PDB file of N, CA and C in Angstrom:
ATOM      1  N   MET A   1      90.116 237.805 276.464  1.00  0.00           N
ATOM      2  CA  MET A   1      90.648 237.195 274.368  1.00  0.00           C
ATOM      3  C   MET A   1      90.088 239.639 274.492  1.00  0.00           C
ATOM      4  N   LYS A   2      90.558 239.827 273.748  1.00  0.00           N
ATOM      5  CA  LYS A   2      90.746 240.862 273.354  1.00  0.00           C
ATOM      6  C   LYS A   2      90.476 240.951 272.256  1.00  0.00           C
ATOM      7  N   THR A   3      89.898 242.147 271.017  1.00  0.00           N
ATOM      8  CA  THR A   3      89.747 242.328 269.813  1.00  0.00           C
ATOM      9  C   THR A   3      90.484 243.642 269.773  1.00  0.00           C
ATOM     10  N   PHE A   4      91.143 242.967 268.547  1.00  0.00           N
ATOM     11  CA  PHE A   4      92.267 243.152 267.555  1.00  0.00           C
ATOM     12  C   PHE A   4      92.117 243.867 265.942  1.00  0.00           C
ATOM     13  N   HIS A   5      92.471 245.180 265.662  1.00  0.00           N
ATOM     14  CA  HIS A   5      91.831 245.689 264.621  1.00  0.00           C
ATOM     15  C   HIS A   5      93.564 245.840 263.879  1.00  0.00           C
ATOM     16  N   ALA A   6      93.567 245.505 262.826  1.00  0.00           N
ATOM     17  CA  ALA A   6      94.701 244.984 261.133  1.00  0.00           C
ATOM     18  C   ALA A   6      94.109 245.569 260.025  1.00  0.00           C
ATOM     19  N   GLU A   7      95.521 246.629 260.296  1.00  0.00           N
ATOM     20  CA  GLU A   7      95.338 247.377 259.008  1.00  0.00           C
ATOM     21  C   GLU A   7      96.545 246.816 258.473  1.00  0.00           C
ATOM     22  N   ILE A   8      96.830 247.049 257.459  1.00  0.00           N
ATOM     23  CA  ILE A   8      98.252 246.122 256.532  1.00  0.00           C
ATOM     24  C   ILE A   8      97.402 246.419 254.957  1.00  0.00           C
ATOM     25  N   ASP A   9      98.587 246.975 254.310  1.00  0.00           N
ATOM     26  CA  ASP A   9      99.504 247.248 253.222  1.00  0.00           C
ATOM     27  C   ASP A   9     100.017 246.077 252.657  1.00  0.00           C
ATOM     28  N   ILE A  10      99.687 246.401 251.269  1.00  0.00           N
ATOM     29  CA  ILE A  10     100.830 244.909 250.110  1.00  0.00           C
ATOM     30  C   ILE A  10     101.096 246.249 249.646  1.00  0.00           C
ATOM     31  N   MET A  11     102.005 246.047 248.952  1.00  0.00           N
ATOM     32  CA  MET A  11     102.876 246.316 247.709  1.00  0.00           C
ATOM     33  C   MET A  11     103.950 245.759 247.331  1.00  0.00           C
ATOM     34  N   PRO A  12     104.236 246.481 245.668  1.00  0.00           N
ATOM     35  CA  PRO A  12     104.962 246.308 244.879  1.00  0.00           C
ATOM     36  C   PRO A  12     106.546 246.039 245.314  1.00  0.00           C
ATOM     37  N   LEU A  13     107.122 244.818 245.248  1.00  0.00           N
ATOM     38  CA  LEU A  13     108.781 246.413 246.163  1.00  0.00           C
ATOM     39  C   LEU A  13     109.022 246.702 244.538  1.00  0.00           C
ATOM     40  N   GLU A  14     109.710 247.484 244.868  1.00  0.00           N
ATOM     41  CA  GLU A  14     110.053 249.219 244.335  1.00  0.00           C
ATOM     42  C   GLU A  14     111.114 248.468 243.332  1.00  0.00           C
ATOM     43  N   ALA A  15     111.984 247.181 242.951  1.00  0.00           N
ATOM     44  CA  ALA A  15     112.442 246.833 242.111  1.00  0.00           C
ATOM     45  C   ALA A  15     112.278 246.225 240.896  1.00  0.00           C
ATOM     46  N   LEU A  16     110.741 245.886 240.805  1.00  0.00           N
ATOM     47  CA  LEU A  16     109.985 245.091 240.290  1.00  0.00           C
ATOM     48  C   LEU A  16     108.566 246.148 239.275  1.00  0.00           C
ATOM     49  N   LEU A  17     108.909 245.563 238.474  1.00  0.00           N
ATOM     50  CA  LEU A  17     107.940 246.453 237.643  1.00  0.00           C
ATOM     51  C   LEU A  17     105.797 246.889 238.022  1.00  0.00           C
ATOM     52  N   ASP A  18     105.797 247.253 238.050  1.00  0.00           N
ATOM     53  CA  ASP A  18     103.651 247.443 238.396  1.00  0.00           C
ATOM     54  C   ASP A  18     103.104 248.088 237.425  1.00  0.00           C
ATOM     55  N   PRO A  19     102.610 246.236 236.805  1.00  0.00           N
ATOM     56  CA  PRO A  19     102.325 247.438 235.215  1.00  0.00           C
ATOM     57  C   PRO A  19     100.566 247.906 235.759  1.00  0.00           C
ATOM     58  N   GLN A  20      99.890 247.615 236.857  1.00  0.00           N
ATOM     59  CA  GLN A  20      98.629 248.335 237.521  1.00  0.00           C
ATOM     60  C   GLN A  20      99.344 250.046 237.369  1.00  0.00           C
ATOM     61  N   GLY A  21     100.080 250.496 238.079  1.00  0.00           N
ATOM     62  CA  GLY A  21     100.853 251.166 238.999  1.00  0.00           C
ATOM     63  C   GLY A  21     101.003 251.672 237.123  1.00  0.00           C
ATOM     64  N   LYS A  22     102.157 251.336 235.911  1.00  0.00           N
ATOM     65  CA  LYS A  22     101.952 252.135 235.031  1.00  0.00           C
ATOM     66  C   LYS A  22     101.169 252.532 234.335  1.00  0.00           C
ATOM     67  N   ALA A  23     100.347 251.666 234.570  1.00  0.00           N
ATOM     68  CA  ALA A  23      98.881 252.354 233.230  1.00  0.00           C
ATOM     69  C   ALA A  23      98.232 253.605 233.946  1.00  0.00           C
ATOM     70  N   VAL A  24      98.234 253.660 235.178  1.00  0.00           N
ATOM     71  CA  VAL A  24      97.637 254.094 235.597  1.00  0.00           C
ATOM     72  C   VAL A  24      97.592 255.872 235.714  1.00  0.00           C
ATOM     73  N   SER A  25      99.163 255.593 236.079  1.00  0.00           N
ATOM     74  CA  SER A  25     100.435 256.709 235.669  1.00  0.00           C
ATOM     75  C   SER A  25     100.307 257.512 234.545  1.00  0.00           C
ATOM     76  N   SER A  26     100.241 256.148 233.358  1.00  0.00           N
ATOM     77  CA  SER A  26     100.094 256.888 231.908  1.00  0.00           C
ATOM     78  C   SER A  26      99.082 258.040 231.623  1.00  0.00           C
ATOM     79  N   SER A  27      97.324 257.568 232.325  1.00  0.00           N
ATOM     80  CA  SER A  27      96.375 257.755 232.595  1.00  0.00           C
ATOM     81  C   SER A  27      96.266 258.969 232.973  1.00  0.00           C
ATOM     82  N   MET A  28      98.025 260.001 233.490  1.00  0.00           N
ATOM     83  CA  MET A  28      97.575 260.621 234.481  1.00  0.00           C
ATOM     84  C   MET A  28      97.457 261.683 233.789  1.00  0.00           C
ATOM     85  N   LYS A  29      98.119 261.686 232.367  1.00  0.00           N
ATOM     86  CA  LYS A  29      98.964 262.639 231.476  1.00  0.00           C
ATOM     87  C   LYS A  29      97.224 263.325 230.791  1.00  0.00           C
ATOM     88  N   ASN A  30      96.669 262.240 230.389  1.00  0.00           N
ATOM     89  CA  ASN A  30      94.963 262.435 229.835  1.00  0.00           C
ATOM     90  C   ASN A  30      94.270 263.163 230.753  1.00  0.00           C
ATOM     91  N   LEU A  31      94.253 262.912 232.039  1.00  0.00           N
ATOM     92  CA  LEU A  31      93.651 263.384 232.590  1.00  0.00           C
ATOM     93  C   LEU A  31      93.803 265.274 232.671  1.00  0.00           C
ATOM     94  N   GLU A  32      94.691 265.218 232.843  1.00  0.00           N
ATOM     95  CA  GLU A  32      95.511 266.241 232.092  1.00  0.00           C
ATOM     96  C   GLU A  32      96.157 266.595 234.457  1.00  0.00           C
ATOM     97  N   LEU A  33      96.777 265.270 234.205  1.00  0.00           N
ATOM     98  CA  LEU A  33      96.779 265.066 236.117  1.00  0.00           C
ATOM     99  C   LEU A  33      98.414 264.927 236.636  1.00  0.00           C
ATOM    100  N   GLY A  34      98.891 265.940 234.577  1.00  0.00           N
ATOM    101  CA  GLY A  34     100.919 265.024 234.385  1.00  0.00           C
ATOM    102  C   GLY A  34     101.511 265.291 235.681  1.00  0.00           C
ATOM    103  N   ALA A  35     101.175 266.003 236.005  1.00  0.00           N
ATOM    104  CA  ALA A  35     102.088 266.434 237.805  1.00  0.00           C
ATOM    105  C   ALA A  35     102.477 265.271 238.315  1.00  0.00           C
ATOM    106  N   ILE A  36     101.463 263.833 238.154  1.00  0.00           N
ATOM    107  CA  ILE A  36     101.229 262.954 238.751  1.00  0.00           C
ATOM    108  C   ILE A  36     101.632 261.893 238.031  1.00  0.00           C
ATOM    109  N   THR A  37     103.139 261.550 238.772  1.00  0.00           N
ATOM    110  CA  THR A  37     103.548 260.339 238.245  1.00  0.00           C
ATOM    111  C   THR A  37     104.171 258.866 239.553  1.00  0.00           C
ATOM    112  N   GLY A  38     104.698 257.949 239.253  1.00  0.00           N
ATOM    113  CA  GLY A  38     105.424 256.965 239.943  1.00  0.00           C
ATOM    114  C   GLY A  38     103.902 256.856 240.435  1.00  0.00           C
ATOM    115  N   VAL A  39     102.713 255.943 240.279  1.00  0.00           N
ATOM    116  CA  VAL A  39     101.860 255.373 240.640  1.00  0.00           C
ATOM    117  C   VAL A  39     102.257 253.917 240.513  1.00  0.00           C
ATOM    118  N   ARG A  40     102.375 253.455 242.075  1.00  0.00           N
ATOM    119  CA  ARG A  40     102.614 252.503 242.347  1.00  0.00           C
ATOM    120  C   ARG A  40     100.712 251.353 242.945  1.00  0.00           C
ATOM    121  N   ILE A  41     100.441 250.192 242.781  1.00  0.00           N
ATOM    122  CA  ILE A  41      99.672 250.285 242.630  1.00  0.00           C
ATOM    123  C   ILE A  41      99.314 248.860 243.689  1.00  0.00           C
ATOM    124  N   GLY A  42      98.434 248.953 245.440  1.00  0.00           N
ATOM    125  CA  GLY A  42      98.820 247.249 245.885  1.00  0.00           C
ATOM    126  C   GLY A  42      97.592 247.277 246.699  1.00  0.00           C
ATOM    127  N   LYS A  43      98.003 246.606 248.161  1.00  0.00           N
ATOM    128  CA  LYS A  43      96.389 245.794 248.155  1.00  0.00           C
ATOM    129  C   LYS A  43      96.720 246.474 249.980  1.00  0.00           C
ATOM    130  N   HIS A  44      95.049 246.313 250.484  1.00  0.00           N
ATOM    131  CA  HIS A  44      94.857 247.037 251.781  1.00  0.00           C
ATOM    132  C   HIS A  44      93.729 246.491 252.206  1.00  0.00           C
ATOM    133  N   ILE A  45      94.127 245.520 253.204  1.00  0.00           N
ATOM    134  CA  ILE A  45      93.813 244.639 254.007  1.00  0.00           C
ATOM    135  C   ILE A  45      92.813 245.384 256.013  1.00  0.00           C
ATOM    136  N   THR A  46      91.958 244.348 256.344  1.00  0.00           N
ATOM    137  CA  THR A  46      91.984 244.858 258.078  1.00  0.00           C
ATOM    138  C   THR A  46      91.111 243.835 257.701  1.00  0.00           C
ATOM    139  N   LEU A  47      91.741 243.437 258.916  1.00  0.00           N
ATOM    140  CA  LEU A  47      91.440 242.172 259.660  1.00  0.00           C
ATOM    141  C   LEU A  47      90.932 242.294 260.650  1.00  0.00           C
ATOM    142  N   LYS A  48      90.589 241.406 262.140  1.00  0.00           N
ATOM    143  CA  LYS A  48      89.482 241.672 263.769  1.00  0.00           C
ATOM    144  C   LYS A  48      91.196 239.842 264.186  1.00  0.00           C
ATOM    145  N   VAL A  49      91.804 240.446 265.380  1.00  0.00           N
ATOM    146  CA  VAL A  49      92.123 239.473 265.797  1.00  0.00           C
ATOM    147  C   VAL A  49      92.050 239.103 267.205  1.00  0.00           C
ATOM    148  N   GLU A  50      91.841 238.239 267.691  1.00  0.00           N
ATOM    149  CA  GLU A  50      91.173 237.818 268.818  1.00  0.00           C
ATOM    150  C   GLU A  50      92.988 237.604 269.567  1.00  0.00           C
ATOM    151  N   ALA A  51      92.970 238.082 270.430  1.00  0.00           N
ATOM    152  CA  ALA A  51      94.179 237.538 271.594  1.00  0.00           C
ATOM    153  C   ALA A  51      94.025 238.365 271.989  1.00  0.00           C
ATOM    154  N   THR A  52      95.275 238.134 273.240  1.00  0.00           N
ATOM    155  CA  THR A  52      95.332 238.525 274.793  1.00  0.00           C
ATOM    156  C   THR A  52      95.995 239.362 274.844  1.00  0.00           C
ATOM    157  N   THR A  53      96.761 240.038 274.010  1.00  0.00           N
ATOM    158  CA  THR A  53      97.112 240.743 273.875  1.00  0.00           C
ATOM    159  C   THR A  53      98.139 241.686 272.816  1.00  0.00           C
ATOM    160  N   LYS A  54      98.725 242.997 272.728  1.00  0.00           N
ATOM    161  CA  LYS A  54      98.463 243.644 271.581  1.00  0.00           C
ATOM    162  C   LYS A  54      99.339 242.621 270.406  1.00  0.00           C
ATOM    163  N   LYS A  55     101.288 241.962 271.700  1.00  0.00           N
ATOM    164  CA  LYS A  55     102.078 241.535 270.733  1.00  0.00           C
ATOM    165  C   LYS A  55     101.512 240.491 270.236  1.00  0.00           C
ATOM    166  N   ALA A  56     100.781 240.141 270.776  1.00  0.00           N
ATOM    167  CA  ALA A  56     100.245 238.498 270.695  1.00  0.00           C
ATOM    168  C   ALA A  56      99.407 238.823 269.215  1.00  0.00           C
ATOM    169  N   ALA A  57      98.901 239.258 269.044  1.00  0.00           N
ATOM    170  CA  ALA A  57      97.966 239.984 267.771  1.00  0.00           C
ATOM    171  C   ALA A  57      98.975 240.120 266.442  1.00  0.00           C
ATOM    172  N   GLU A  58      99.933 241.459 267.044  1.00  0.00           N
ATOM    173  CA  GLU A  58     101.023 241.886 266.267  1.00  0.00           C
ATOM    174  C   GLU A  58     101.675 240.573 265.566  1.00  0.00           C
ATOM    175  N   HIS A  59     102.071 239.367 266.329  1.00  0.00           N
ATOM    176  CA  HIS A  59     102.627 238.062 266.074  1.00  0.00           C
ATOM    177  C   HIS A  59     101.509 237.170 265.317  1.00  0.00           C
ATOM    178  N   LEU A  60     100.371 237.020 265.410  1.00  0.00           N
ATOM    179  CA  LEU A  60      98.985 236.714 264.781  1.00  0.00           C
ATOM    180  C   LEU A  60      99.925 237.062 263.041  1.00  0.00           C
ATOM    181  N   VAL A  61      98.988 238.356 263.332  1.00  0.00           N
ATOM    182  CA  VAL A  61      98.993 239.596 262.080  1.00  0.00           C
ATOM    183  C   VAL A  61     100.641 238.758 260.993  1.00  0.00           C
ATOM    184  N   ASP A  62     101.563 239.001 261.319  1.00  0.00           N
ATOM    185  CA  ASP A  62     102.717 239.095 260.505  1.00  0.00           C
ATOM    186  C   ASP A  62     103.017 237.350 260.407  1.00  0.00           C
ATOM    187  N   VAL A  63     102.176 236.454 261.539  1.00  0.00           N
ATOM    188  CA  VAL A  63     102.742 234.895 260.633  1.00  0.00           C
ATOM    189  C   VAL A  63     101.769 235.383 259.575  1.00  0.00           C
ATOM    190  N   ALA A  64     100.538 236.162 259.438  1.00  0.00           N
ATOM    191  CA  ALA A  64      99.402 235.021 257.873  1.00  0.00           C
ATOM    192  C   ALA A  64     100.155 235.963 257.293  1.00  0.00           C
ATOM    193  N   CYS A  65     100.423 237.177 257.405  1.00  0.00           N
ATOM    194  CA  CYS A  65     101.065 238.155 256.256  1.00  0.00           C
ATOM    195  C   CYS A  65     102.554 237.152 255.523  1.00  0.00           C
ATOM    196  N   LYS A  66     102.715 236.602 256.202  1.00  0.00           N
ATOM    197  CA  LYS A  66     104.555 235.081 256.086  1.00  0.00           C
ATOM    198  C   LYS A  66     103.138 234.428 255.016  1.00  0.00           C
ATOM    199  N   LYS A  67     101.881 234.309 256.139  1.00  0.00           N
ATOM    200  CA  LYS A  67     101.689 232.344 255.500  1.00  0.00           C
ATOM    201  C   LYS A  67     100.271 232.936 254.095  1.00  0.00           C
ATOM    202  N   LEU A  68      99.848 233.739 254.116  1.00  0.00           N
ATOM    203  CA  LEU A  68      99.343 233.192 252.769  1.00  0.00           C
ATOM    204  C   LEU A  68      98.836 234.943 252.479  1.00  0.00           C
ATOM    205  N   LEU A  69      98.536 236.373 252.957  1.00  0.00           N
ATOM    206  CA  LEU A  69      98.067 237.204 252.642  1.00  0.00           C
ATOM    207  C   LEU A  69      99.717 238.452 251.560  1.00  0.00           C
ATOM    208  N   CYS A  70     100.595 237.963 251.578  1.00  0.00           N
ATOM    209  CA  CYS A  70     101.994 238.644 251.070  1.00  0.00           C
ATOM    210  C   CYS A  70     102.617 237.388 250.301  1.00  0.00           C
ATOM    211  N   ASN A  71     103.050 236.998 249.144  1.00  0.00           N
ATOM    212  CA  ASN A  71     103.905 236.798 248.338  1.00  0.00           C
ATOM    213  C   ASN A  71     105.093 237.222 248.512  1.00  0.00           C
ATOM    214  N   GLU A  72     105.953 236.999 249.813  1.00  0.00           N
ATOM    215  CA  GLU A  72     107.336 238.234 249.670  1.00  0.00           C
ATOM    216  C   GLU A  72     108.666 238.674 248.902  1.00  0.00           C
ATOM    217  N   ILE A  73     108.255 236.918 247.648  1.00  0.00           N
ATOM    218  CA  ILE A  73     109.546 237.197 246.683  1.00  0.00           C
ATOM    219  C   ILE A  73     109.541 238.546 245.840  1.00  0.00           C
ATOM    220  N   MET A  74     107.539 239.469 246.165  1.00  0.00           N
ATOM    221  CA  MET A  74     106.875 240.569 244.704  1.00  0.00           C
ATOM    222  C   MET A  74     107.212 241.137 246.016  1.00  0.00           C
ATOM    223  N   GLU A  75     107.307 240.800 246.654  1.00  0.00           N
ATOM    224  CA  GLU A  75     105.508 242.142 247.691  1.00  0.00           C
ATOM    225  C   GLU A  75     106.137 242.102 248.677  1.00  0.00           C
ATOM    226  N   SER A  76     106.116 243.316 249.450  1.00  0.00           N
ATOM    227  CA  SER A  76     106.690 243.884 250.995  1.00  0.00           C
ATOM    228  C   SER A  76     105.624 244.549 251.454  1.00  0.00           C
ATOM    229  N   TYR A  77     105.362 243.876 252.997  1.00  0.00           N
ATOM    230  CA  TYR A  77     104.429 244.602 253.605  1.00  0.00           C
ATOM    231  C   TYR A  77     104.775 244.956 255.132  1.00  0.00           C
ATOM    232  N   ARG A  78     103.646 246.066 255.597  1.00  0.00           N
ATOM    233  CA  ARG A  78     103.616 246.770 256.543  1.00  0.00           C
ATOM    234  C   ARG A  78     101.780 246.316 257.248  1.00  0.00           C
ATOM    235  N   PHE A  79     101.701 246.362 258.979  1.00  0.00           N
ATOM    236  CA  PHE A  79     100.744 246.744 259.192  1.00  0.00           C
ATOM    237  C   PHE A  79     100.806 246.957 260.741  1.00  0.00           C
ATOM    238  N   GLU A  80      99.746 247.703 261.171  1.00  0.00           N
ATOM    239  CA  GLU A  80      99.643 248.138 262.265  1.00  0.00           C
ATOM    240  C   GLU A  80      98.603 248.156 263.409  1.00  0.00           C
ATOM    241  N   VAL A  81      98.361 247.314 264.317  1.00  0.00           N
ATOM    242  CA  VAL A  81      97.492 246.997 265.117  1.00  0.00           C
ATOM    243  C   VAL A  81      97.078 247.658 266.154  1.00  0.00           C
ATOM    244  N   SER A  82      95.470 247.840 266.132  1.00  0.00           N
ATOM    245  CA  SER A  82      95.591 248.217 267.542  1.00  0.00           C
ATOM    246  C   SER A  82      94.129 247.696 268.066  1.00  0.00           C
ATOM    247  N   GLU A  83      93.761 248.063 269.010  1.00  0.00           N
ATOM    248  CA  GLU A  83      92.858 247.991 270.172  1.00  0.00           C
ATOM    249  C   GLU A  83      91.308 248.050 269.217  1.00  0.00           C
TER     250      GLU A  83
END
Protein backbone atom coordinates (compact mmCIF):
# COMPACT_ATOMS: atom_id res chain seq x y z
CA MET A 1 0.00 0.00 0.00
CA LYS A 2 1.12 3.51 -0.80
CA THR A 3 0.02 6.76 0.80
CA PHE A 4 -1.40 9.31 -1.61
CA HIS A 5 -2.25 12.93 -0.94
CA ALA A 6 -5.51 14.36 -2.30
CA GLU A 7 -6.35 18.05 -2.73
CA ILE A 8 -10.07 18.68 -3.24
CA ASP A 9 -11.77 21.94 -4.20
CA ILE A 10 -15.53 22.24 -3.76
CA MET A 11 -17.34 25.28 -5.14
CA PRO A 12 -20.96 26.39 -5.36
CA LEU A 13 -22.44 25.83 -8.81
CA GLU A 14 -22.16 28.90 -11.06
CA ALA A 15 -25.94 29.08 -11.47
CA LEU A 16 -26.52 29.39 -7.71
CA LEU A 17 -26.24 32.44 -5.50
CA ASP A 18 -23.13 32.47 -3.30
CA PRO A 19 -24.07 34.67 -0.30
CA GLN A 20 -20.57 34.53 1.25
CA GLY A 21 -18.93 35.46 -2.03
CA LYS A 22 -21.41 38.28 -2.60
CA ALA A 23 -20.77 39.71 0.89
CA VAL A 24 -16.99 39.60 0.38
CA SER A 25 -17.31 41.07 -3.10
CA SER A 26 -19.38 43.96 -1.71
CA SER A 27 -16.84 44.57 1.06
CA MET A 28 -14.03 44.91 -1.47
CA LYS A 29 -15.38 48.35 -2.43
CA ASN A 30 -15.15 49.52 1.21
CA LEU A 31 -11.53 48.41 1.32
CA GLU A 32 -10.72 50.35 -1.87
CA LEU A 33 -10.41 47.06 -3.77
CA GLY A 34 -13.31 47.72 -6.13
CA ALA A 35 -11.37 46.21 -9.03
CA ILE A 36 -11.95 42.80 -7.44
CA THR A 37 -15.39 41.39 -8.26
CA GLY A 38 -17.12 38.07 -8.77
CA VAL A 39 -15.86 36.48 -5.55
CA ARG A 40 -16.96 32.84 -5.06
CA ILE A 41 -16.19 31.05 -1.81
CA GLY A 42 -15.87 27.29 -1.51
CA LYS A 43 -14.03 24.62 0.47
CA HIS A 44 -10.56 23.15 0.17
CA ILE A 45 -10.06 19.68 1.66
CA THR A 46 -6.88 17.62 1.93
CA LEU A 47 -6.85 13.87 2.51
CA LYS A 48 -4.35 11.06 2.88
CA VAL A 49 -5.42 7.94 1.05
CA GLU A 50 -3.98 4.43 1.44
CA ALA A 51 -4.25 2.59 -1.89
CA THR A 52 -2.27 0.25 -4.12
CA THR A 53 -2.31 2.55 -7.17
CA LYS A 54 -2.96 6.18 -8.01
CA LYS A 55 -6.03 5.15 -10.00
CA ALA A 56 -7.42 3.32 -6.94
CA ALA A 57 -6.74 6.38 -4.77
CA GLU A 58 -8.52 8.62 -7.31
CA HIS A 59 -11.50 6.27 -7.26
CA LEU A 60 -11.70 6.42 -3.44
CA VAL A 61 -11.50 10.22 -3.44
CA ASP A 62 -14.20 10.43 -6.11
CA VAL A 63 -16.50 8.18 -4.08
CA ALA A 64 -15.82 10.21 -0.90
CA CYS A 65 -16.71 13.42 -2.74
CA LYS A 66 -19.92 11.98 -4.17
CA LYS A 67 -21.09 10.28 -0.97
CA LEU A 68 -19.98 12.69 1.74
CA LEU A 69 -17.92 15.76 0.93
CA CYS A 70 -19.89 17.41 -1.87
CA ASN A 71 -23.59 18.15 -2.30
CA GLU A 72 -23.76 17.75 -6.07
CA ILE A 73 -27.14 19.48 -6.22
CA MET A 74 -25.50 22.74 -5.12
CA GLU A 75 -21.75 22.20 -5.54
CA SER A 76 -19.15 20.95 -7.98
CA TYR A 77 -15.79 19.41 -7.12
CA ARG A 78 -12.42 18.71 -8.61
CA PHE A 79 -9.42 17.00 -7.12
CA GLU A 80 -5.82 16.07 -7.66
CA VAL A 81 -4.10 13.01 -6.23
CA SER A 82 -0.33 12.76 -5.84
CA GLU A 83 2.14 10.42 -4.12
